[in-house]
């Protein structure tokens, strides 16, 4: 009788251990799987087209696309971020420049990172960002204000049913993560002095 109970306990223990290993493996693979899923389905508005353009694009003067800009702060971010213009109309293929304004109202230097998102998500592969403040970390000294550039182009192959693209940025405070390196924070501190 005791032998049967021990066998059941061992069997249960093995099943629990295998389940734990599988859950850990799934958790470990979740981010890469999510990225593959987003690439296949076009969901989440992740931008793929960043950096210098590798080809010339013809400008389609017959079509205009509205591009809206939004700025959102992470709850722990005290900065003010706002677009210079909340909406513009562009011709597909036309290089367009605008900017966002950032203000650090605190009495200490900080470093921020902006994370972009595009809606509708199907438009993400047709939006080419040539220069964006989101490509790099943004240090600001205490009380400092800065204009942060954005240069982009909407591809003429954007489907006709997409007439408005919303480009939004969420701003995160990454100063605590940089404390050990301190290079960026120290340079912001020196420039603020």
N, C-alpha and C. Protein backbone atom coordinates (compact mmCIF):
# COMPACT_ATOMS: atom_id res chain seq x y z
N UNK A 1 0.82 -1.20 0.00
CA UNK A 1 0.00 0.00 0.00
C UNK A 1 0.86 1.25 0.00
N UNK A 2 1.90 1.27 0.81
CA UNK A 2 2.78 2.43 0.90
C UNK A 2 3.54 2.63 -0.41
N UNK A 3 3.85 1.53 -1.07
CA UNK A 3 4.55 1.59 -2.32
C UNK A 3 3.72 2.30 -3.40
N UNK A 4 2.43 2.05 -3.47
CA UNK A 4 1.53 2.68 -4.42
C UNK A 4 1.44 4.17 -4.15
N UNK A 5 1.35 4.54 -2.88
CA UNK A 5 1.28 5.96 -2.50
C UNK A 5 2.59 6.67 -2.89
N UNK A 6 3.72 6.06 -2.66
CA UNK A 6 5.01 6.65 -3.03
C UNK A 6 5.12 6.82 -4.54
N UNK A 7 4.63 5.85 -5.28
CA UNK A 7 4.66 5.94 -6.74
C UNK A 7 3.79 7.11 -7.22
N UNK A 8 2.62 7.29 -6.63
CA UNK A 8 1.74 8.41 -7.00
C UNK A 8 2.40 9.75 -6.66
N UNK A 9 3.03 9.82 -5.50
CA UNK A 9 3.70 11.05 -5.10
C UNK A 9 4.85 11.38 -6.04
N UNK A 10 5.63 10.37 -6.39
CA UNK A 10 6.73 10.58 -7.33
C UNK A 10 6.21 11.01 -8.69
N UNK A 11 5.15 10.37 -9.14
CA UNK A 11 4.55 10.72 -10.42
C UNK A 11 4.06 12.18 -10.40
N UNK A 12 3.43 12.57 -9.32
CA UNK A 12 2.95 13.95 -9.17
C UNK A 12 4.13 14.92 -9.14
N UNK A 13 5.17 14.58 -8.42
CA UNK A 13 6.35 15.42 -8.33
C UNK A 13 7.00 15.60 -9.70
N UNK A 14 7.10 14.54 -10.47
CA UNK A 14 7.67 14.62 -11.81
C UNK A 14 6.81 15.51 -12.70
N UNK A 15 5.49 15.33 -12.64
CA UNK A 15 4.59 16.16 -13.44
C UNK A 15 4.72 17.64 -13.06
N UNK A 16 4.81 17.94 -11.77
CA UNK A 16 4.96 19.32 -11.32
C UNK A 16 6.29 19.91 -11.78
N UNK A 17 7.36 19.15 -11.69
CA UNK A 17 8.67 19.64 -12.15
C UNK A 17 8.68 19.89 -13.65
N UNK A 18 8.11 18.97 -14.42
CA UNK A 18 8.05 19.15 -15.87
C UNK A 18 7.20 20.38 -16.21
N UNK A 19 6.08 20.56 -15.52
CA UNK A 19 5.23 21.73 -15.75
C UNK A 19 5.98 23.02 -15.42
N UNK A 20 6.73 23.02 -14.34
CA UNK A 20 7.50 24.19 -13.94
C UNK A 20 8.55 24.53 -14.99
N UNK A 21 9.26 23.54 -15.47
CA UNK A 21 10.28 23.77 -16.50
C UNK A 21 9.63 24.29 -17.78
N UNK A 22 8.51 23.72 -18.18
CA UNK A 22 7.81 24.18 -19.38
C UNK A 22 7.32 25.62 -19.23
N UNK A 23 6.78 25.97 -18.06
CA UNK A 23 6.32 27.34 -17.83
C UNK A 23 7.49 28.32 -17.87
N UNK A 24 8.60 27.95 -17.25
CA UNK A 24 9.78 28.81 -17.28
C UNK A 24 10.27 29.00 -18.71
N UNK A 25 10.32 27.91 -19.47
CA UNK A 25 10.75 28.00 -20.87
C UNK A 25 9.82 28.87 -21.69
N UNK A 26 8.52 28.73 -21.49
CA UNK A 26 7.55 29.56 -22.20
C UNK A 26 7.73 31.03 -21.83
N UNK A 27 7.92 31.32 -20.55
CA UNK A 27 8.15 32.70 -20.11
C UNK A 27 9.42 33.27 -20.71
N UNK A 28 10.45 32.47 -20.81
CA UNK A 28 11.71 32.90 -21.39
C UNK A 28 11.55 33.21 -22.88
N UNK A 29 10.75 32.43 -23.59
CA UNK A 29 10.56 32.59 -25.02
C UNK A 29 9.44 33.56 -25.38
N UNK A 30 8.73 34.08 -24.40
CA UNK A 30 7.56 34.91 -24.68
C UNK A 30 7.89 36.15 -25.50
N UNK A 31 8.95 36.87 -25.16
CA UNK A 31 9.30 38.09 -25.90
C UNK A 31 9.67 37.79 -27.34
N UNK A 32 10.57 36.84 -27.61
CA UNK A 32 10.86 36.54 -29.02
C UNK A 32 9.63 36.04 -29.78
N UNK A 33 8.80 35.23 -29.14
CA UNK A 33 7.58 34.76 -29.79
C UNK A 33 6.63 35.91 -30.09
N UNK A 34 6.53 36.87 -29.17
CA UNK A 34 5.69 38.04 -29.38
C UNK A 34 6.19 38.86 -30.56
N UNK A 35 7.52 39.05 -30.65
CA UNK A 35 8.09 39.79 -31.77
C UNK A 35 7.79 39.10 -33.10
N UNK A 36 7.92 37.78 -33.15
CA UNK A 36 7.61 37.04 -34.37
C UNK A 36 6.13 37.18 -34.70
N UNK A 37 5.27 37.06 -33.70
CA UNK A 37 3.83 37.22 -33.90
C UNK A 37 3.51 38.61 -34.47
N UNK A 38 4.13 39.67 -33.90
CA UNK A 38 3.90 41.03 -34.38
C UNK A 38 4.39 41.21 -35.82
N UNK A 39 5.55 40.61 -36.15
CA UNK A 39 6.07 40.71 -37.50
C UNK A 39 5.14 40.03 -38.50
N UNK A 40 4.60 38.87 -38.14
CA UNK A 40 3.73 38.12 -39.04
C UNK A 40 2.38 38.81 -39.22
N UNK A 41 1.79 39.27 -38.12
CA UNK A 41 0.44 39.83 -38.18
C UNK A 41 0.41 41.33 -38.42
N UNK A 42 1.54 42.03 -38.16
CA UNK A 42 1.56 43.48 -38.31
C UNK A 42 0.93 44.19 -37.13
N UNK A 43 0.66 43.47 -36.05
CA UNK A 43 0.05 44.08 -34.87
C UNK A 43 1.09 44.81 -34.03
N UNK A 44 0.63 45.70 -33.16
CA UNK A 44 1.41 46.42 -32.15
C UNK A 44 2.08 47.67 -32.68
N UNK A 45 2.08 47.95 -33.96
CA UNK A 45 2.63 49.19 -34.46
C UNK A 45 4.12 49.35 -34.25
N UNK A 46 4.86 48.27 -34.21
CA UNK A 46 6.31 48.37 -34.06
C UNK A 46 6.92 48.84 -35.37
N UNK A 47 7.80 49.82 -35.27
CA UNK A 47 8.44 50.35 -36.46
C UNK A 47 9.63 49.49 -36.87
N UNK A 48 9.69 49.19 -38.15
CA UNK A 48 10.82 48.44 -38.70
C UNK A 48 11.73 49.36 -39.51
N UNK A 49 11.16 50.41 -40.08
CA UNK A 49 11.87 51.27 -41.02
C UNK A 49 12.45 52.48 -40.31
N UNK A 50 13.67 52.35 -39.84
CA UNK A 50 14.31 53.45 -39.14
C UNK A 50 15.71 53.66 -39.72
N UNK A 51 16.17 54.91 -39.68
CA UNK A 51 17.49 55.23 -40.19
C UNK A 51 17.42 55.79 -41.60
N UNK A 52 18.58 55.98 -42.20
CA UNK A 52 18.67 56.57 -43.54
C UNK A 52 17.93 55.72 -44.56
N UNK A 53 17.31 56.39 -45.53
CA UNK A 53 16.59 55.69 -46.59
C UNK A 53 17.59 55.08 -47.57
N UNK A 54 17.29 53.90 -48.03
CA UNK A 54 18.20 53.19 -48.94
C UNK A 54 17.82 53.39 -50.40
N UNK A 55 16.70 54.07 -50.65
CA UNK A 55 16.27 54.31 -52.02
C UNK A 55 15.51 55.63 -52.06
N UNK A 56 15.36 56.16 -53.26
CA UNK A 56 14.58 57.38 -53.45
C UNK A 56 13.11 56.99 -53.63
N UNK A 57 12.23 57.78 -53.06
CA UNK A 57 10.80 57.52 -53.16
C UNK A 57 10.15 58.67 -53.93
N UNK A 58 9.29 58.36 -54.91
CA UNK A 58 8.60 59.44 -55.62
C UNK A 58 7.55 60.08 -54.71
N UNK A 59 7.37 61.38 -54.84
CA UNK A 59 6.37 62.09 -54.04
C UNK A 59 5.03 62.02 -54.78
N UNK A 60 4.01 61.56 -54.09
CA UNK A 60 2.67 61.46 -54.65
C UNK A 60 1.91 62.73 -54.28
N UNK A 61 1.88 63.69 -55.21
CA UNK A 61 1.20 64.97 -54.97
C UNK A 61 -0.32 64.83 -54.98
N UNK A 62 -0.83 63.70 -55.46
CA UNK A 62 -2.27 63.49 -55.58
C UNK A 62 -2.91 63.03 -54.27
N UNK A 63 -2.10 62.63 -53.32
CA UNK A 63 -2.64 62.07 -52.07
C UNK A 63 -2.05 62.78 -50.87
N UNK A 64 -2.89 62.95 -49.85
CA UNK A 64 -2.42 63.48 -48.58
C UNK A 64 -2.81 62.52 -47.46
N UNK A 65 -1.91 62.40 -46.50
CA UNK A 65 -2.14 61.56 -45.34
C UNK A 65 -2.00 62.43 -44.10
N UNK A 66 -2.96 62.34 -43.21
CA UNK A 66 -2.86 63.07 -41.93
C UNK A 66 -1.98 62.27 -40.99
N UNK A 67 -1.04 62.94 -40.35
CA UNK A 67 -0.20 62.30 -39.35
C UNK A 67 -0.42 63.05 -38.04
N UNK A 68 -0.90 62.34 -37.04
CA UNK A 68 -1.16 62.92 -35.73
C UNK A 68 -0.04 62.51 -34.78
N UNK A 69 0.30 63.42 -33.85
CA UNK A 69 1.37 63.15 -32.90
C UNK A 69 0.84 63.23 -31.48
N UNK A 70 1.20 62.24 -30.68
CA UNK A 70 0.80 62.20 -29.28
C UNK A 70 2.04 61.99 -28.42
N UNK A 71 2.00 62.53 -27.22
CA UNK A 71 3.08 62.32 -26.26
C UNK A 71 2.46 61.91 -24.93
N UNK A 72 3.01 60.85 -24.35
CA UNK A 72 2.51 60.31 -23.09
C UNK A 72 3.71 60.07 -22.19
N UNK A 73 3.57 60.39 -20.92
CA UNK A 73 4.63 60.10 -19.96
C UNK A 73 4.29 58.85 -19.19
N UNK A 74 5.31 58.05 -18.93
CA UNK A 74 5.17 56.96 -17.99
C UNK A 74 4.83 57.60 -16.64
N UNK A 75 4.11 56.90 -15.79
CA UNK A 75 3.65 57.49 -14.53
C UNK A 75 4.78 58.01 -13.64
N UNK A 76 5.99 57.46 -13.77
CA UNK A 76 7.10 57.90 -12.93
C UNK A 76 7.92 59.01 -13.58
N UNK A 77 7.51 59.50 -14.74
CA UNK A 77 8.28 60.50 -15.48
C UNK A 77 7.71 61.89 -15.25
N UNK A 78 8.48 62.80 -14.62
CA UNK A 78 7.97 64.14 -14.33
C UNK A 78 8.11 65.13 -15.49
N UNK A 79 8.81 64.76 -16.56
CA UNK A 79 9.02 65.70 -17.66
C UNK A 79 7.71 66.05 -18.35
N UNK A 80 7.76 67.14 -19.09
CA UNK A 80 6.68 67.51 -19.98
C UNK A 80 7.17 67.24 -21.40
N UNK A 81 6.39 66.51 -22.16
CA UNK A 81 6.71 66.23 -23.56
C UNK A 81 5.47 66.57 -24.37
N UNK A 82 5.69 67.36 -25.43
CA UNK A 82 4.56 67.72 -26.29
C UNK A 82 5.06 67.89 -27.72
N UNK A 83 4.20 67.56 -28.69
CA UNK A 83 4.61 67.76 -30.08
C UNK A 83 4.57 69.25 -30.44
N UNK A 84 5.49 69.69 -31.30
CA UNK A 84 5.47 71.08 -31.78
C UNK A 84 4.17 71.33 -32.54
N UNK A 85 3.73 70.35 -33.30
CA UNK A 85 2.43 70.40 -33.99
C UNK A 85 1.73 69.09 -33.71
N UNK A 86 0.46 69.14 -33.38
CA UNK A 86 -0.26 67.92 -33.04
C UNK A 86 -0.71 67.13 -34.26
N UNK A 87 -0.74 67.77 -35.43
CA UNK A 87 -1.17 67.09 -36.64
C UNK A 87 -0.64 67.82 -37.86
N UNK A 88 -0.22 67.05 -38.86
CA UNK A 88 0.19 67.64 -40.13
C UNK A 88 -0.30 66.75 -41.26
N UNK A 89 -0.42 67.35 -42.44
CA UNK A 89 -0.77 66.58 -43.65
C UNK A 89 0.49 66.47 -44.49
N UNK A 90 0.74 65.26 -44.99
CA UNK A 90 1.93 65.03 -45.80
C UNK A 90 1.55 64.31 -47.07
N UNK A 91 2.38 64.50 -48.09
CA UNK A 91 2.26 63.73 -49.32
C UNK A 91 3.14 62.50 -49.17
N UNK A 92 2.63 61.31 -49.53
CA UNK A 92 3.49 60.13 -49.47
C UNK A 92 4.75 60.34 -50.33
N UNK A 93 5.88 59.91 -49.78
CA UNK A 93 7.16 60.07 -50.46
C UNK A 93 7.88 61.36 -50.08
N UNK A 94 7.18 62.27 -49.41
CA UNK A 94 7.75 63.57 -49.04
C UNK A 94 8.45 63.47 -47.68
N UNK A 95 9.69 63.94 -47.63
CA UNK A 95 10.42 63.98 -46.36
C UNK A 95 9.84 65.11 -45.52
N UNK A 96 9.48 64.80 -44.27
CA UNK A 96 8.84 65.78 -43.40
C UNK A 96 9.60 65.89 -42.10
N UNK A 97 9.77 67.12 -41.63
CA UNK A 97 10.46 67.35 -40.37
C UNK A 97 9.52 68.07 -39.41
N UNK A 98 9.53 67.62 -38.18
CA UNK A 98 8.81 68.26 -37.09
C UNK A 98 9.63 68.05 -35.82
N UNK A 99 9.06 68.36 -34.69
CA UNK A 99 9.82 68.20 -33.44
C UNK A 99 8.88 68.01 -32.27
N UNK A 100 9.44 67.54 -31.18
CA UNK A 100 8.76 67.45 -29.89
C UNK A 100 9.55 68.32 -28.92
N UNK A 101 8.84 68.93 -28.00
CA UNK A 101 9.49 69.76 -26.98
C UNK A 101 9.47 69.00 -25.66
N UNK A 102 10.64 68.94 -25.01
CA UNK A 102 10.75 68.27 -23.72
C UNK A 102 11.25 69.27 -22.68
N UNK A 103 10.69 69.20 -21.49
CA UNK A 103 11.11 70.05 -20.38
C UNK A 103 11.33 69.17 -19.16
N UNK A 104 12.48 69.37 -18.52
CA UNK A 104 12.77 68.68 -17.25
C UNK A 104 12.52 69.69 -16.13
N UNK A 105 11.37 69.63 -15.46
CA UNK A 105 11.04 70.62 -14.43
C UNK A 105 11.69 70.33 -13.08
N UNK A 106 12.44 69.24 -12.98
CA UNK A 106 13.01 68.87 -11.69
C UNK A 106 14.29 69.66 -11.41
N UNK A 107 14.82 69.50 -10.21
CA UNK A 107 16.06 70.19 -9.84
C UNK A 107 17.27 69.25 -9.96
N UNK A 108 17.13 68.21 -10.78
CA UNK A 108 18.23 67.27 -10.97
C UNK A 108 18.30 66.86 -12.45
N UNK A 109 19.50 66.53 -12.93
CA UNK A 109 19.60 66.04 -14.31
C UNK A 109 18.95 64.66 -14.42
N UNK A 110 18.35 64.42 -15.56
CA UNK A 110 17.68 63.15 -15.80
C UNK A 110 17.94 62.70 -17.23
N UNK A 111 17.71 61.41 -17.47
CA UNK A 111 17.84 60.85 -18.81
C UNK A 111 16.53 60.13 -19.14
N UNK A 112 16.04 60.37 -20.35
CA UNK A 112 14.77 59.77 -20.78
C UNK A 112 14.98 58.93 -22.03
N UNK A 113 14.05 58.02 -22.24
CA UNK A 113 14.01 57.24 -23.48
C UNK A 113 12.56 57.23 -23.95
N UNK A 114 12.36 57.57 -25.21
CA UNK A 114 11.02 57.57 -25.79
C UNK A 114 10.81 56.27 -26.56
N UNK A 115 9.64 55.68 -26.37
CA UNK A 115 9.26 54.45 -27.06
C UNK A 115 8.11 54.78 -28.01
N UNK A 116 8.30 54.57 -29.33
CA UNK A 116 7.26 54.93 -30.29
C UNK A 116 6.23 53.83 -30.49
N UNK A 117 5.08 54.25 -30.97
CA UNK A 117 4.03 53.32 -31.37
C UNK A 117 3.25 53.96 -32.51
N UNK A 118 2.76 53.14 -33.43
CA UNK A 118 2.03 53.63 -34.59
C UNK A 118 0.65 53.00 -34.63
N UNK A 119 -0.34 53.83 -34.93
CA UNK A 119 -1.70 53.32 -35.12
C UNK A 119 -2.25 53.92 -36.41
N UNK A 120 -2.96 53.17 -37.20
CA UNK A 120 -3.19 51.74 -37.05
C UNK A 120 -1.89 50.97 -37.26
N UNK A 121 -1.83 49.81 -36.68
CA UNK A 121 -0.59 49.03 -36.71
C UNK A 121 -0.19 48.65 -38.14
N UNK A 122 -1.15 48.55 -39.04
CA UNK A 122 -0.84 48.21 -40.44
C UNK A 122 -0.02 49.30 -41.11
N UNK A 123 -0.04 50.52 -40.58
CA UNK A 123 0.71 51.63 -41.18
C UNK A 123 2.18 51.62 -40.78
N UNK A 124 2.54 50.86 -39.77
CA UNK A 124 3.91 50.90 -39.25
C UNK A 124 4.96 50.58 -40.30
N UNK A 125 4.67 49.63 -41.19
CA UNK A 125 5.71 49.27 -42.17
C UNK A 125 5.82 50.28 -43.30
N UNK A 126 4.92 51.26 -43.36
CA UNK A 126 4.97 52.29 -44.39
C UNK A 126 5.48 53.62 -43.85
N UNK A 127 5.80 53.67 -42.59
CA UNK A 127 6.32 54.90 -41.98
C UNK A 127 7.82 54.73 -41.81
N UNK A 128 8.59 55.57 -42.47
CA UNK A 128 10.05 55.50 -42.41
C UNK A 128 10.55 56.68 -41.57
N UNK A 129 11.17 56.37 -40.43
CA UNK A 129 11.75 57.42 -39.60
C UNK A 129 13.23 57.52 -39.91
N UNK A 130 13.64 58.68 -40.41
CA UNK A 130 15.02 58.90 -40.80
C UNK A 130 15.83 59.40 -39.61
N UNK A 131 15.26 60.30 -38.85
CA UNK A 131 15.92 60.84 -37.66
C UNK A 131 14.84 60.98 -36.59
N UNK A 132 15.12 60.45 -35.41
CA UNK A 132 14.13 60.51 -34.35
C UNK A 132 14.82 60.57 -33.00
N UNK A 133 14.28 61.40 -32.14
CA UNK A 133 14.80 61.48 -30.77
C UNK A 133 14.65 60.16 -30.03
N UNK A 134 13.79 59.28 -30.53
CA UNK A 134 13.60 57.97 -29.89
C UNK A 134 14.73 57.01 -30.19
N UNK A 135 15.61 57.35 -31.15
CA UNK A 135 16.75 56.48 -31.46
C UNK A 135 17.79 56.49 -30.35
N UNK A 136 17.83 57.55 -29.56
CA UNK A 136 18.87 57.72 -28.54
C UNK A 136 18.26 58.14 -27.21
N UNK A 137 19.03 57.96 -26.16
CA UNK A 137 18.64 58.45 -24.84
C UNK A 137 18.75 59.97 -24.84
N UNK A 138 17.87 60.61 -24.10
CA UNK A 138 17.81 62.07 -24.09
C UNK A 138 18.13 62.61 -22.70
N UNK A 139 19.35 63.11 -22.47
CA UNK A 139 19.67 63.70 -21.17
C UNK A 139 19.24 65.17 -21.13
N UNK A 140 18.68 65.59 -20.01
CA UNK A 140 18.33 67.00 -19.80
C UNK A 140 18.76 67.39 -18.40
N UNK A 141 19.38 68.56 -18.30
CA UNK A 141 19.76 69.08 -16.99
C UNK A 141 18.55 69.59 -16.24
N UNK A 142 18.75 69.95 -14.99
CA UNK A 142 17.66 70.47 -14.16
C UNK A 142 17.08 71.73 -14.78
N UNK A 143 15.76 71.75 -14.98
CA UNK A 143 15.07 72.91 -15.53
C UNK A 143 15.32 73.14 -17.01
N UNK A 144 16.00 72.24 -17.68
CA UNK A 144 16.35 72.43 -19.08
C UNK A 144 15.19 72.09 -20.00
N UNK A 145 15.14 72.79 -21.12
CA UNK A 145 14.14 72.55 -22.16
C UNK A 145 14.88 72.26 -23.46
N UNK A 146 14.34 71.33 -24.26
CA UNK A 146 15.04 70.95 -25.49
C UNK A 146 14.05 70.61 -26.58
N UNK A 147 14.37 71.03 -27.80
CA UNK A 147 13.60 70.62 -28.96
C UNK A 147 14.22 69.33 -29.49
N UNK A 148 13.38 68.33 -29.69
CA UNK A 148 13.87 67.03 -30.14
C UNK A 148 13.30 66.74 -31.53
N UNK A 149 14.18 66.57 -32.53
CA UNK A 149 13.74 66.46 -33.92
C UNK A 149 13.14 65.10 -34.29
N UNK A 150 12.30 65.16 -35.30
CA UNK A 150 11.71 63.97 -35.90
C UNK A 150 11.63 64.21 -37.40
N UNK A 151 12.30 63.36 -38.18
CA UNK A 151 12.24 63.44 -39.64
C UNK A 151 11.71 62.09 -40.13
N UNK A 152 10.65 62.14 -40.93
CA UNK A 152 10.01 60.90 -41.37
C UNK A 152 9.47 61.04 -42.78
N UNK A 153 9.05 59.90 -43.33
CA UNK A 153 8.45 59.86 -44.64
C UNK A 153 7.43 58.73 -44.65
N UNK A 154 6.28 58.99 -45.25
CA UNK A 154 5.25 57.97 -45.42
C UNK A 154 5.39 57.40 -46.82
N UNK A 155 5.51 56.10 -46.91
CA UNK A 155 5.69 55.40 -48.18
C UNK A 155 4.42 55.51 -49.02
N UNK A 156 4.58 55.69 -50.32
CA UNK A 156 3.43 55.80 -51.23
C UNK A 156 2.65 54.50 -51.32
N UNK A 157 3.23 53.40 -50.88
CA UNK A 157 2.52 52.12 -50.92
C UNK A 157 1.57 51.93 -49.73
N UNK A 158 1.45 52.97 -48.90
CA UNK A 158 0.49 52.94 -47.80
C UNK A 158 -0.89 52.63 -48.38
N UNK A 159 -1.59 51.62 -47.87
CA UNK A 159 -2.91 51.28 -48.42
C UNK A 159 -3.87 52.48 -48.41
N UNK A 160 -4.69 52.57 -49.43
CA UNK A 160 -5.61 53.70 -49.59
C UNK A 160 -6.58 53.86 -48.43
N UNK A 161 -6.94 52.76 -47.79
CA UNK A 161 -7.90 52.86 -46.70
C UNK A 161 -7.31 53.54 -45.45
N UNK A 162 -5.99 53.65 -45.38
CA UNK A 162 -5.36 54.35 -44.25
C UNK A 162 -5.17 55.81 -44.64
N UNK A 163 -5.94 56.67 -44.04
CA UNK A 163 -5.88 58.09 -44.34
C UNK A 163 -5.28 58.90 -43.19
N UNK A 164 -5.22 58.30 -42.01
CA UNK A 164 -4.66 58.97 -40.84
C UNK A 164 -3.73 58.00 -40.11
N UNK A 165 -2.55 58.49 -39.78
CA UNK A 165 -1.59 57.71 -38.99
C UNK A 165 -1.36 58.46 -37.69
N UNK A 166 -1.38 57.75 -36.59
CA UNK A 166 -1.09 58.36 -35.29
C UNK A 166 0.24 57.81 -34.80
N UNK A 167 1.16 58.73 -34.56
CA UNK A 167 2.49 58.37 -34.06
C UNK A 167 2.57 58.88 -32.63
N UNK A 168 2.68 57.94 -31.71
CA UNK A 168 2.72 58.34 -30.30
C UNK A 168 4.01 57.89 -29.66
N UNK A 169 4.44 58.67 -28.67
CA UNK A 169 5.66 58.37 -27.93
C UNK A 169 5.35 58.32 -26.45
N UNK A 170 5.85 57.29 -25.79
CA UNK A 170 5.76 57.21 -24.33
C UNK A 170 7.15 57.45 -23.80
N UNK A 171 7.26 58.39 -22.87
CA UNK A 171 8.55 58.80 -22.32
C UNK A 171 8.80 58.13 -20.99
N UNK A 172 9.97 57.49 -20.86
CA UNK A 172 10.33 56.77 -19.64
C UNK A 172 11.58 57.39 -19.02
N UNK A 173 11.60 57.45 -17.70
CA UNK A 173 12.78 57.89 -16.96
C UNK A 173 13.72 56.70 -16.84
N UNK A 174 14.91 56.80 -17.47
CA UNK A 174 15.87 55.70 -17.38
C UNK A 174 17.09 56.11 -16.56
N UNK A 175 17.01 57.22 -15.86
CA UNK A 175 18.13 57.68 -15.03
C UNK A 175 18.56 56.62 -14.03
N UNK A 176 17.65 55.98 -13.29
CA UNK A 176 18.10 54.97 -12.31
C UNK A 176 18.89 53.83 -12.94
N UNK A 177 18.52 53.42 -14.17
CA UNK A 177 19.24 52.33 -14.82
C UNK A 177 20.65 52.73 -15.22
N UNK A 178 20.89 54.04 -15.38
CA UNK A 178 22.20 54.51 -15.80
C UNK A 178 23.11 54.86 -14.63
N UNK A 179 22.62 54.81 -13.42
CA UNK A 179 23.42 55.20 -12.26
C UNK A 179 24.78 54.50 -12.20
N UNK A 180 24.88 53.18 -12.44
CA UNK A 180 26.20 52.56 -12.37
C UNK A 180 27.15 53.12 -13.44
N UNK A 181 26.67 53.32 -14.66
CA UNK A 181 27.54 53.84 -15.72
C UNK A 181 27.82 55.32 -15.50
N UNK A 182 26.76 56.07 -15.20
CA UNK A 182 26.83 57.49 -14.85
C UNK A 182 27.44 58.38 -15.91
N UNK A 183 27.84 57.88 -17.06
CA UNK A 183 28.46 58.72 -18.08
C UNK A 183 27.50 59.78 -18.59
N UNK A 184 26.29 59.37 -18.97
CA UNK A 184 25.33 60.31 -19.52
C UNK A 184 24.85 61.28 -18.46
N UNK A 185 24.60 60.78 -17.26
CA UNK A 185 24.13 61.63 -16.17
C UNK A 185 25.19 62.65 -15.80
N UNK A 186 26.45 62.23 -15.71
CA UNK A 186 27.52 63.16 -15.37
C UNK A 186 27.70 64.23 -16.43
N UNK A 187 27.57 63.87 -17.71
CA UNK A 187 27.71 64.89 -18.75
C UNK A 187 26.55 65.86 -18.69
N UNK A 188 25.35 65.39 -18.36
CA UNK A 188 24.21 66.30 -18.20
C UNK A 188 24.42 67.20 -17.00
N UNK A 189 25.00 66.67 -15.94
CA UNK A 189 25.27 67.47 -14.75
C UNK A 189 26.30 68.54 -15.05
N UNK A 190 27.38 68.17 -15.77
CA UNK A 190 28.41 69.14 -16.10
C UNK A 190 27.85 70.25 -16.99
N UNK A 191 26.99 69.88 -17.94
CA UNK A 191 26.44 70.91 -18.83
C UNK A 191 25.45 71.80 -18.09
N UNK A 192 24.81 71.29 -17.04
CA UNK A 192 23.86 72.09 -16.26
C UNK A 192 24.60 73.06 -15.33
N UNK A 193 25.84 72.75 -14.97
CA UNK A 193 26.60 73.61 -14.07
C UNK A 193 27.18 74.75 -14.79
